C-alpha atoms as a PDB file:
ATOM      1  CA  MET A   1       0.147   0.018  -0.209  1.00  0.00           C
ATOM      2  CA  THR A   2       1.309   3.257  -1.043  1.00  0.00           C
ATOM      3  CA  VAL A   3       0.837   6.499   0.872  1.00  0.00           C
ATOM      4  CA  THR A   4       0.208   9.793  -1.052  1.00  0.00           C
ATOM      5  CA  THR A   5       1.970  12.666   0.502  1.00  0.00           C
ATOM      6  CA  LEU A   6       1.656  16.271  -0.372  1.00  0.00           C
ATOM      7  CA  PRO A   7       4.980  17.530  -1.724  1.00  0.00           C
ATOM      8  CA  PRO A   8       7.022  19.568   0.762  1.00  0.00           C
ATOM      9  CA  SER A   9       6.692  22.827  -1.170  1.00  0.00           C
ATOM     10  CA  VAL A  10       2.887  22.779  -1.082  1.00  0.00           C
ATOM     11  CA  ARG A  11       2.255  20.999   2.761  1.00  0.00           C
ATOM     12  CA  PRO A  12       4.202  23.738   4.705  1.00  0.00           C
ATOM     13  CA  ALA A  13       2.106  26.397   2.912  1.00  0.00           C
ATOM     14  CA  ALA A  14      -1.082  25.208   3.188  1.00  0.00           C
ATOM     15  CA  LEU A  15      -0.660  24.518   6.510  1.00  0.00           C
ATOM     16  CA  SER A  16       1.245  27.421   7.745  1.00  0.00           C
ATOM     17  CA  ALA A  17      -1.171  30.088   6.248  1.00  0.00           C
ATOM     18  CA  GLN A  18      -3.918  29.297   8.243  1.00  0.00           C
ATOM     19  CA  PRO A  19      -3.237  30.193  11.879  1.00  0.00           C
ATOM     20  CA  HIS A  20      -2.243  33.230  10.378  1.00  0.00           C
ATOM     21  CA  ALA A  21      -5.357  33.961   7.808  1.00  0.00           C
ATOM     22  CA  ALA A  22      -7.587  35.344  10.632  1.00  0.00           C
ATOM     23  CA  LEU A  23      -4.380  37.940  11.753  1.00  0.00           C
ATOM     24  CA  ARG A  24      -4.436  39.641   8.609  1.00  0.00           C
ATOM     25  CA  THR A  25      -8.259  39.390   7.573  1.00  0.00           C
ATOM     26  CA  ILE A  26      -9.245  40.736  10.915  1.00  0.00           C
ATOM     27  CA  PRO A  27      -7.617  44.291  10.583  1.00  0.00           C
ATOM     28  CA  ALA A  28      -8.461  44.454   6.902  1.00  0.00           C
ATOM     29  CA  LEU A  29     -11.998  44.241   7.753  1.00  0.00           C
ATOM     30  CA  MET A  30     -11.805  46.679  10.919  1.00  0.00           C
ATOM     31  CA  LEU A  31     -10.020  49.367   8.279  1.00  0.00           C
ATOM     32  CA  ARG A  32     -12.675  48.422   5.465  1.00  0.00           C
ATOM     33  CA  GLU A  33     -15.114  49.048   8.651  1.00  0.00           C
ATOM     34  CA  MET A  34     -14.114  52.616   9.696  1.00  0.00           C
ATOM     35  CA  SER A  35     -13.849  53.954   5.924  1.00  0.00           C
ATOM     36  CA  SER A  36     -17.509  52.827   5.140  1.00  0.00           C
ATOM     37  CA  THR A  37     -18.861  53.848   8.473  1.00  0.00           C
ATOM     38  CA  TYR A  38     -16.853  56.985   9.378  1.00  0.00           C
ATOM     39  CA  GLY A  39     -15.038  57.716   6.708  1.00  0.00           C
ATOM     40  CA  ARG A  40     -18.193  58.689   4.388  1.00  0.00           C
ATOM     41  CA  SER A  41     -19.642  60.835   6.764  1.00  0.00           C
ATOM     42  CA  PRO A  42     -19.010  64.681   7.708  1.00  0.00           C
ATOM     43  CA  GLY A  43     -17.585  64.622  11.084  1.00  0.00           C
ATOM     44  CA  GLY A  44     -16.503  60.941  10.651  1.00  0.00           C
ATOM     45  CA  TYR A  45     -15.622  59.961  14.518  1.00  0.00           C
ATOM     46  CA  LEU A  46     -16.527  62.887  15.953  1.00  0.00           C
ATOM     47  CA  TRP A  47     -19.998  62.040  15.600  1.00  0.00           C
ATOM     48  CA  ALA A  48     -19.081  59.286  17.777  1.00  0.00           C
ATOM     49  CA  VAL A  49     -18.349  61.327  20.809  1.00  0.00           C
ATOM     50  CA  LEU A  50     -20.731  64.201  20.054  1.00  0.00           C
ATOM     51  CA  GLU A  51     -24.091  61.571  20.624  1.00  0.00           C
ATOM     52  CA  PRO A  52     -23.292  60.430  23.692  1.00  0.00           C
ATOM     53  CA  VAL A  53     -22.342  64.262  24.907  1.00  0.00           C
ATOM     54  CA  ALA A  54     -25.631  65.192  23.510  1.00  0.00           C
ATOM     55  CA  ALA A  55     -27.670  62.499  25.429  1.00  0.00           C
ATOM     56  CA  ILE A  56     -25.784  63.267  28.663  1.00  0.00           C
ATOM     57  CA  ALA A  57     -26.217  67.025  28.172  1.00  0.00           C
ATOM     58  CA  LEU A  58     -30.052  66.349  27.621  1.00  0.00           C
ATOM     59  CA  MET A  59     -30.225  64.253  30.716  1.00  0.00           C
ATOM     60  CA  SER A  60     -28.435  66.689  33.088  1.00  0.00           C
ATOM     61  CA  ILE A  61     -30.700  69.520  32.479  1.00  0.00           C
ATOM     62  CA  ALA A  62     -33.833  67.869  32.062  1.00  0.00           C
ATOM     63  CA  PHE A  63     -33.206  66.391  35.652  1.00  0.00           C
ATOM     64  CA  SER A  64     -31.296  68.839  37.378  1.00  0.00           C
ATOM     65  CA  LEU A  65     -34.679  70.807  36.888  1.00  0.00           C
ATOM     66  CA  ILE A  66     -36.381  68.241  39.083  1.00  0.00           C
ATOM     67  CA  LEU A  67     -34.001  66.884  41.525  1.00  0.00           C
ATOM     68  CA  ARG A  68     -31.878  68.582  43.429  1.00  0.00           C
ATOM     69  CA  ALA A  69     -28.935  66.306  43.426  1.00  0.00           C
ATOM     70  CA  PRO A  70     -28.211  63.106  41.405  1.00  0.00           C
ATOM     71  CA  GLY A  71     -28.311  59.782  42.882  1.00  0.00           C
ATOM     72  CA  LEU A  72     -24.454  59.773  43.488  1.00  0.00           C
ATOM     73  CA  GLY A  73     -22.203  62.672  44.089  1.00  0.00           C
ATOM     74  CA  GLY A  74     -23.315  66.247  43.559  1.00  0.00           C
ATOM     75  CA  ASN A  75     -22.126  66.460  39.264  1.00  0.00           C
ATOM     76  CA  PHE A  76     -25.062  65.346  37.209  1.00  0.00           C
ATOM     77  CA  PRO A  77     -23.025  64.850  33.749  1.00  0.00           C
ATOM     78  CA  PHE A  78     -20.677  62.409  35.746  1.00  0.00           C
ATOM     79  CA  PHE A  79     -23.396  60.856  37.268  1.00  0.00           C
ATOM     80  CA  TYR A  80     -25.103  60.059  34.230  1.00  0.00           C
ATOM     81  CA  ALA A  81     -22.199  59.590  32.067  1.00  0.00           C
ATOM     82  CA  SER A  82     -20.992  56.922  34.615  1.00  0.00           C
ATOM     83  CA  GLY A  83     -24.102  54.485  33.841  1.00  0.00           C
ATOM     84  CA  PHE A  84     -24.780  55.751  30.231  1.00  0.00           C
ATOM     85  CA  LEU A  85     -21.570  55.318  28.469  1.00  0.00           C
ATOM     86  CA  LEU A  86     -21.981  51.747  29.394  1.00  0.00           C
ATOM     87  CA  PHE A  87     -25.246  51.533  28.448  1.00  0.00           C
ATOM     88  CA  SER A  88     -24.702  52.867  24.872  1.00  0.00           C
ATOM     89  CA  LEU A  89     -21.601  50.542  24.527  1.00  0.00           C
ATOM     90  CA  TYR A  90     -23.744  47.546  24.903  1.00  0.00           C
ATOM     91  CA  MET A  91     -26.484  48.950  22.480  1.00  0.00           C
ATOM     92  CA  ILE A  92     -23.885  49.693  19.770  1.00  0.00           C
ATOM     93  CA  VAL A  93     -21.205  46.925  19.817  1.00  0.00           C
ATOM     94  CA  SER A  94     -24.598  44.430  19.951  1.00  0.00           C
ATOM     95  CA  ALA A  95     -26.164  45.747  17.112  1.00  0.00           C
ATOM     96  CA  GLN A  96     -22.900  46.364  14.752  1.00  0.00           C
ATOM     97  CA  VAL A  97     -22.152  42.709  15.481  1.00  0.00           C
ATOM     98  CA  ALA A  98     -25.924  41.666  14.509  1.00  0.00           C
ATOM     99  CA  ALA A  99     -25.125  43.199  11.123  1.00  0.00           C
ATOM    100  CA  ALA A 100     -21.949  41.801  10.737  1.00  0.00           C
ATOM    101  CA  LEU A 101     -22.605  38.992   8.122  1.00  0.00           C
ATOM    102  CA  ARG A 102     -24.723  41.077   6.157  1.00  0.00           C
ATOM    103  CA  PHE A 103     -22.635  43.929   6.007  1.00  0.00           C
ATOM    104  CA  SER A 104     -19.852  41.742   5.086  1.00  0.00           C
ATOM    105  CA  ARG A 105     -21.910  38.945   2.430  1.00  0.00           C
ATOM    106  CA  PRO A 106     -19.387  39.672  -0.660  1.00  0.00           C
ATOM    107  CA  LEU A 107     -16.543  39.388   1.321  1.00  0.00           C
ATOM    108  CA  LEU A 108     -17.401  36.552   2.592  1.00  0.00           C
ATOM    109  CA  GLU A 109     -17.420  34.588  -0.326  1.00  0.00           C
ATOM    110  CA  TYR A 110     -13.537  34.701  -0.434  1.00  0.00           C
ATOM    111  CA  PRO A 111     -12.180  31.133   1.176  1.00  0.00           C
ATOM    112  CA  ARG A 112      -9.732  33.649   3.281  1.00  0.00           C
ATOM    113  CA  VAL A 113     -12.758  35.329   4.824  1.00  0.00           C
ATOM    114  CA  SER A 114     -14.843  33.314   8.003  1.00  0.00           C
ATOM    115  CA  TYR A 115     -17.690  34.224   9.516  1.00  0.00           C
ATOM    116  CA  LEU A 116     -15.720  34.666  12.750  1.00  0.00           C
ATOM    117  CA  ASP A 117     -13.237  37.310  11.014  1.00  0.00           C
ATOM    118  CA  ALA A 118     -16.324  39.770   9.944  1.00  0.00           C
ATOM    119  CA  VAL A 119     -17.836  39.245  13.548  1.00  0.00           C
ATOM    120  CA  LEU A 120     -14.817  39.477  15.806  1.00  0.00           C
ATOM    121  CA  ALA A 121     -13.514  42.661  13.047  1.00  0.00           C
ATOM    122  CA  ARG A 122     -17.041  44.435  14.205  1.00  0.00           C
ATOM    123  CA  PHE A 123     -16.859  43.591  17.447  1.00  0.00           C
ATOM    124  CA  LEU A 124     -13.487  44.554  18.096  1.00  0.00           C
ATOM    125  CA  LEU A 125     -13.445  48.133  16.383  1.00  0.00           C
ATOM    126  CA  ASN A 126     -16.770  49.128  17.725  1.00  0.00           C
ATOM    127  CA  THR A 127     -15.613  48.371  21.421  1.00  0.00           C
ATOM    128  CA  MET A 128     -12.237  49.871  21.088  1.00  0.00           C
ATOM    129  CA  THR A 129     -14.434  53.091  19.739  1.00  0.00           C
ATOM    130  CA  GLN A 130     -16.739  52.974  22.688  1.00  0.00           C
ATOM    131  CA  VAL A 131     -14.129  52.640  25.112  1.00  0.00           C
ATOM    132  CA  LEU A 132     -12.099  55.602  23.787  1.00  0.00           C
ATOM    133  CA  VAL A 133     -15.535  57.418  24.246  1.00  0.00           C
ATOM    134  CA  LEU A 134     -15.691  56.766  27.470  1.00  0.00           C
ATOM    135  CA  VAL A 135     -12.249  57.890  28.201  1.00  0.00           C
ATOM    136  CA  LEU A 136     -12.792  61.171  26.218  1.00  0.00           C
ATOM    137  CA  VAL A 137     -16.231  62.131  27.400  1.00  0.00           C
ATOM    138  CA  VAL A 138     -15.481  61.115  31.175  1.00  0.00           C
ATOM    139  CA  THR A 139     -12.196  63.198  30.890  1.00  0.00           C
ATOM    140  CA  GLY A 140     -13.679  66.306  29.536  1.00  0.00           C
ATOM    141  CA  ILE A 141     -16.430  66.023  31.969  1.00  0.00           C
ATOM    142  CA  VAL A 142     -14.011  65.941  34.792  1.00  0.00           C
ATOM    143  CA  ALA A 143     -12.033  69.172  33.706  1.00  0.00           C
ATOM    144  CA  VAL A 144     -14.883  70.899  32.578  1.00  0.00           C
ATOM    145  CA  PHE A 145     -16.718  70.961  35.848  1.00  0.00           C
ATOM    146  CA  ASP A 146     -12.928  70.526  37.810  1.00  0.00           C
ATOM    147  CA  LEU A 147     -13.927  67.406  39.688  1.00  0.00           C
ATOM    148  CA  ALA A 148     -11.405  65.022  41.444  1.00  0.00           C
ATOM    149  CA  PRO A 149     -12.821  61.662  41.546  1.00  0.00           C
ATOM    150  CA  ARG A 150     -11.183  58.681  42.961  1.00  0.00           C
ATOM    151  CA  ILE A 151     -11.911  56.158  39.870  1.00  0.00           C
ATOM    152  CA  ASP A 152     -11.129  52.282  40.509  1.00  0.00           C
ATOM    153  CA  VAL A 153     -10.064  51.871  37.083  1.00  0.00           C
ATOM    154  CA  ALA A 154      -9.622  47.877  37.669  1.00  0.00           C
ATOM    155  CA  GLN A 155     -13.648  48.355  38.759  1.00  0.00           C
ATOM    156  CA  VAL A 156     -14.541  50.679  35.739  1.00  0.00           C
ATOM    157  CA  GLY A 157     -12.594  48.096  33.412  1.00  0.00           C
ATOM    158  CA  LEU A 158     -14.540  44.923  34.940  1.00  0.00           C
ATOM    159  CA  ALA A 159     -17.590  46.695  33.662  1.00  0.00           C
ATOM    160  CA  LEU A 160     -16.185  47.381  30.631  1.00  0.00           C
ATOM    161  CA  ILE A 161     -15.060  43.943  29.928  1.00  0.00           C
ATOM    162  CA  LEU A 162     -19.164  42.508  31.063  1.00  0.00           C
ATOM    163  CA  ALA A 163     -20.778  44.753  28.956  1.00  0.00           C
ATOM    164  CA  SER A 164     -18.553  44.212  25.542  1.00  0.00           C
ATOM    165  CA  GLY A 165     -18.912  40.470  26.518  1.00  0.00           C
ATOM    166  CA  LEU A 166     -22.901  40.753  27.002  1.00  0.00           C
ATOM    167  CA  ALA A 167     -22.887  43.000  23.485  1.00  0.00           C
ATOM    168  CA  LEU A 168     -21.308  39.863  21.710  1.00  0.00           C
ATOM    169  CA  GLY A 169     -23.163  37.459  22.671  1.00  0.00           C
ATOM    170  CA  VAL A 170     -26.361  39.364  22.080  1.00  0.00           C
ATOM    171  CA  GLY A 171     -25.010  40.359  18.686  1.00  0.00           C
ATOM    172  CA  CYS A 172     -23.918  36.872  17.720  1.00  0.00           C
ATOM    173  CA  VAL A 173     -27.280  35.226  18.466  1.00  0.00           C
ATOM    174  CA  ASN A 174     -29.171  38.266  16.872  1.00  0.00           C
ATOM    175  CA  CYS A 175     -26.548  38.066  14.075  1.00  0.00           C
ATOM    176  CA  PHE A 176     -28.162  34.517  13.434  1.00  0.00           C
ATOM    177  CA  LEU A 177     -32.063  35.453  13.629  1.00  0.00           C
ATOM    178  CA  ILE A 178     -31.877  38.828  11.927  1.00  0.00           C
ATOM    179  CA  THR A 179     -30.183  37.251   8.879  1.00  0.00           C
ATOM    180  CA  CYS A 180     -32.596  34.280   8.462  1.00  0.00           C
ATOM    181  CA  PHE A 181     -35.592  35.807  10.311  1.00  0.00           C
ATOM    182  CA  PRO A 182     -35.486  39.378   9.000  1.00  0.00           C
ATOM    183  CA  VAL A 183     -38.777  40.444  10.760  1.00  0.00           C
ATOM    184  CA  TRP A 184     -36.902  39.690  14.106  1.00  0.00           C
ATOM    185  CA  GLU A 185     -35.030  42.800  13.500  1.00  0.00           C
ATOM    186  CA  ARG A 186     -38.478  44.709  13.875  1.00  0.00           C
ATOM    187  CA  VAL A 187     -39.148  42.733  16.759  1.00  0.00           C
ATOM    188  CA  TRP A 188     -36.019  43.365  18.543  1.00  0.00           C
ATOM    189  CA  ALA A 189     -36.300  46.805  18.250  1.00  0.00           C
ATOM    190  CA  ILE A 190     -39.827  46.918  19.734  1.00  0.00           C
ATOM    191  CA  VAL A 191     -38.643  44.333  22.726  1.00  0.00           C
ATOM    192  CA  ASN A 192     -35.420  46.720  22.986  1.00  0.00           C
ATOM    193  CA  ARG A 193     -36.919  49.928  23.607  1.00  0.00           C
ATOM    194  CA  PRO A 194     -37.708  49.830  27.520  1.00  0.00           C
ATOM    195  CA  MET A 195     -34.287  48.502  28.188  1.00  0.00           C
ATOM    196  CA  PHE A 196     -33.123  51.990  28.840  1.00  0.00           C
ATOM    197  CA  LEU A 197     -35.579  52.733  31.587  1.00  0.00           C
ATOM    198  CA  VAL A 198     -34.694  48.993  33.408  1.00  0.00           C
ATOM    199  CA  SER A 199     -30.863  49.128  33.173  1.00  0.00           C
ATOM    200  CA  ALA A 200     -30.398  51.312  36.078  1.00  0.00           C
ATOM    201  CA  VAL A 201     -28.672  54.192  34.490  1.00  0.00           C
ATOM    202  CA  LEU A 202     -30.881  57.155  35.641  1.00  0.00           C
ATOM    203  CA  PHE A 203     -30.954  55.732  39.416  1.00  0.00           C
ATOM    204  CA  LEU A 204     -29.675  53.584  41.758  1.00  0.00           C
ATOM    205  CA  PRO A 205     -31.142  49.922  42.391  1.00  0.00           C
ATOM    206  CA  GLU A 206     -31.428  50.787  45.883  1.00  0.00           C
ATOM    207  CA  ASP A 207     -33.424  53.396  44.949  1.00  0.00           C
ATOM    208  CA  LEU A 208     -36.004  50.891  44.327  1.00  0.00           C
ATOM    209  CA  SER A 209     -38.456  48.982  46.883  1.00  0.00           C
ATOM    210  CA  PRO A 210     -37.021  45.246  47.325  1.00  0.00           C
ATOM    211  CA  GLN A 211     -40.076  43.749  45.181  1.00  0.00           C
ATOM    212  CA  TYR A 212     -39.170  46.096  42.345  1.00  0.00           C
ATOM    213  CA  ARG A 213     -35.519  45.788  42.475  1.00  0.00           C
ATOM    214  CA  ALA A 214     -35.540  42.030  42.753  1.00  0.00           C
ATOM    215  CA  TRP A 215     -36.977  42.419  38.912  1.00  0.00           C
ATOM    216  CA  LEU A 216     -34.719  45.024  37.798  1.00  0.00           C
ATOM    217  CA  MET A 217     -31.265  43.275  38.805  1.00  0.00           C
ATOM    218  CA  LEU A 218     -32.807  40.064  36.576  1.00  0.00           C
ATOM    219  CA  ASN A 219     -31.261  42.284  33.827  1.00  0.00           C
ATOM    220  CA  PRO A 220     -27.794  42.111  33.526  1.00  0.00           C
ATOM    221  CA  LEU A 221     -27.370  45.332  32.179  1.00  0.00           C
ATOM    222  CA  SER A 222     -28.468  46.674  35.600  1.00  0.00           C
ATOM    223  CA  HIS A 223     -25.326  44.694  37.269  1.00  0.00           C
ATOM    224  CA  VAL A 224     -23.014  46.259  34.860  1.00  0.00           C
ATOM    225  CA  THR A 225     -24.277  50.099  35.489  1.00  0.00           C
ATOM    226  CA  SER A 226     -24.340  49.335  38.856  1.00  0.00           C
ATOM    227  CA  LEU A 227     -20.852  47.832  38.737  1.00  0.00           C
ATOM    228  CA  ALA A 228     -19.281  50.863  36.550  1.00  0.00           C
ATOM    229  CA  ARG A 229     -21.069  53.279  39.361  1.00  0.00           C
ATOM    230  CA  SER A 230     -18.853  51.625  42.296  1.00  0.00           C
ATOM    231  CA  GLY A 231     -16.271  52.226  40.129  1.00  0.00           C
ATOM    232  CA  PHE A 232     -16.680  56.064  39.466  1.00  0.00           C
ATOM    233  CA  PHE A 233     -17.702  56.607  42.906  1.00  0.00           C
ATOM    234  CA  ALA A 234     -15.734  55.456  45.779  1.00  0.00           C
ATOM    235  CA  SER A 235     -18.647  56.019  48.069  1.00  0.00           C
ATOM    236  CA  TYR A 236     -21.021  53.649  46.328  1.00  0.00           C
ATOM    237  CA  ASP A 237     -21.024  49.846  46.873  1.00  0.00           C
ATOM    238  CA  ALA A 238     -23.044  47.727  44.399  1.00  0.00           C
ATOM    239  CA  VAL A 239     -24.097  45.163  46.950  1.00  0.00           C
ATOM    240  CA  HIS A 240     -26.509  44.024  44.179  1.00  0.00           C
ATOM    241  CA  ALA A 241     -24.507  43.495  41.615  1.00  0.00           C
ATOM    242  CA  SER A 242     -23.112  40.077  40.691  1.00  0.00           C
ATOM    243  CA  PRO A 243     -20.276  39.634  37.895  1.00  0.00           C
ATOM    244  CA  LEU A 244     -20.549  35.890  37.982  1.00  0.00           C
ATOM    245  CA  TYR A 245     -24.607  36.170  37.194  1.00  0.00           C
ATOM    246  CA  VAL A 246     -23.252  38.596  34.056  1.00  0.00           C
ATOM    247  CA  THR A 247     -20.876  36.011  32.976  1.00  0.00           C
ATOM    248  CA  GLY A 248     -23.594  33.142  33.337  1.00  0.00           C
ATOM    249  CA  TRP A 249     -25.456  35.122  30.532  1.00  0.00           C
ATOM    250  CA  ILE A 250     -22.786  36.157  28.469  1.00  0.00           C
ATOM    251  CA  VAL A 251     -21.501  32.481  27.794  1.00  0.00           C
ATOM    252  CA  GLY A 252     -24.821  31.001  27.648  1.00  0.00           C
ATOM    253  CA  LEU A 253     -25.580  33.383  24.627  1.00  0.00           C
ATOM    254  CA  LEU A 254     -22.119  32.858  23.334  1.00  0.00           C
ATOM    255  CA  VAL A 255     -22.537  29.085  23.412  1.00  0.00           C
ATOM    256  CA  VAL A 256     -25.770  29.906  21.746  1.00  0.00           C
ATOM    257  CA  GLY A 257     -25.321  32.378  19.307  1.00  0.00           C
ATOM    258  CA  LEU A 258     -21.604  30.873  18.039  1.00  0.00           C
ATOM    259  CA  PHE A 259     -23.137  27.149  17.901  1.00  0.00           C
ATOM    260  CA  LEU A 260     -26.224  28.765  15.228  1.00  0.00           C
ATOM    261  CA  LEU A 261     -23.906  30.985  13.354  1.00  0.00           C
ATOM    262  CA  ALA A 262     -21.738  27.742  12.986  1.00  0.00           C
ATOM    263  CA  LEU A 263     -24.099  25.561  12.015  1.00  0.00           C
ATOM    264  CA  HIS A 264     -25.581  27.643   9.700  1.00  0.00           C
ATOM    265  CA  HIS A 265     -23.209  30.384   8.356  1.00  0.00           C
ATOM    266  CA  LYS A 266     -23.179  28.871   4.862  1.00  0.00           C
ATOM    267  CA  ASP A 267     -27.099  29.379   4.505  1.00  0.00           C
ATOM    268  CA  ILE A 268     -26.720  32.832   5.740  1.00  0.00           C
ATOM    269  CA  VAL A 269     -24.191  33.759   3.483  1.00  0.00           C
ATOM    270  CA  PHE A 270     -24.928  31.987   0.189  1.00  0.00           C
ATOM    271  CA  LYS A 271     -28.909  32.337   0.468  1.00  0.00           C
END
């Protein structure tokens, strides 16, 4: 019996190209995303900063007319930024990941580009963008209002990791559902509208009665915003927030989402 082997000149190239293919493909997809999303609109990346600044300013003005002081500290913009920017990261990153295959469908016909490359490229670019926005906005608020907060960088970093992981998990599940069932995009938009009100962005979970707080903390985003505020405010202890609970959501969503995409990504791309 004879064993057929590939020539040495062919075999190493075929084997060595695969591990490094994603290292070239993902940055290329990220550059394409940057030019198409921000490069073609007037202002470009400036809007990524101006939009959350405008939202925080409107919330601060509106609630300062009603309340004497925010839930924590004495500065309305800093309080609302500490919750809104984490919520905004989740919303934007999950929406961008959900549209990854639809956005990159023409490129996915090339064998070098996989569905995971498209998902990871959108996830990494938009996560890095939103983290940069958070740093710029918080730094701007501290400078403008001459604040001296004692920020726990590790705690804020944990909240950012959990928010981005949750966004990736939700995005992967929705990536399958939206591309296979287009009506789900409208359904999800309707279901997601109250999320801003039930994610502890405008208030603290401790402000609610135990009964309503128990319902609020079923939402993993409420844990994320509470953990973030405990990092921005040294006086606040997020006793009702559980990183383990959010991690469970992330793992569950990623397992389901990646399994569905691995099973059906060819049908999605070539249908």
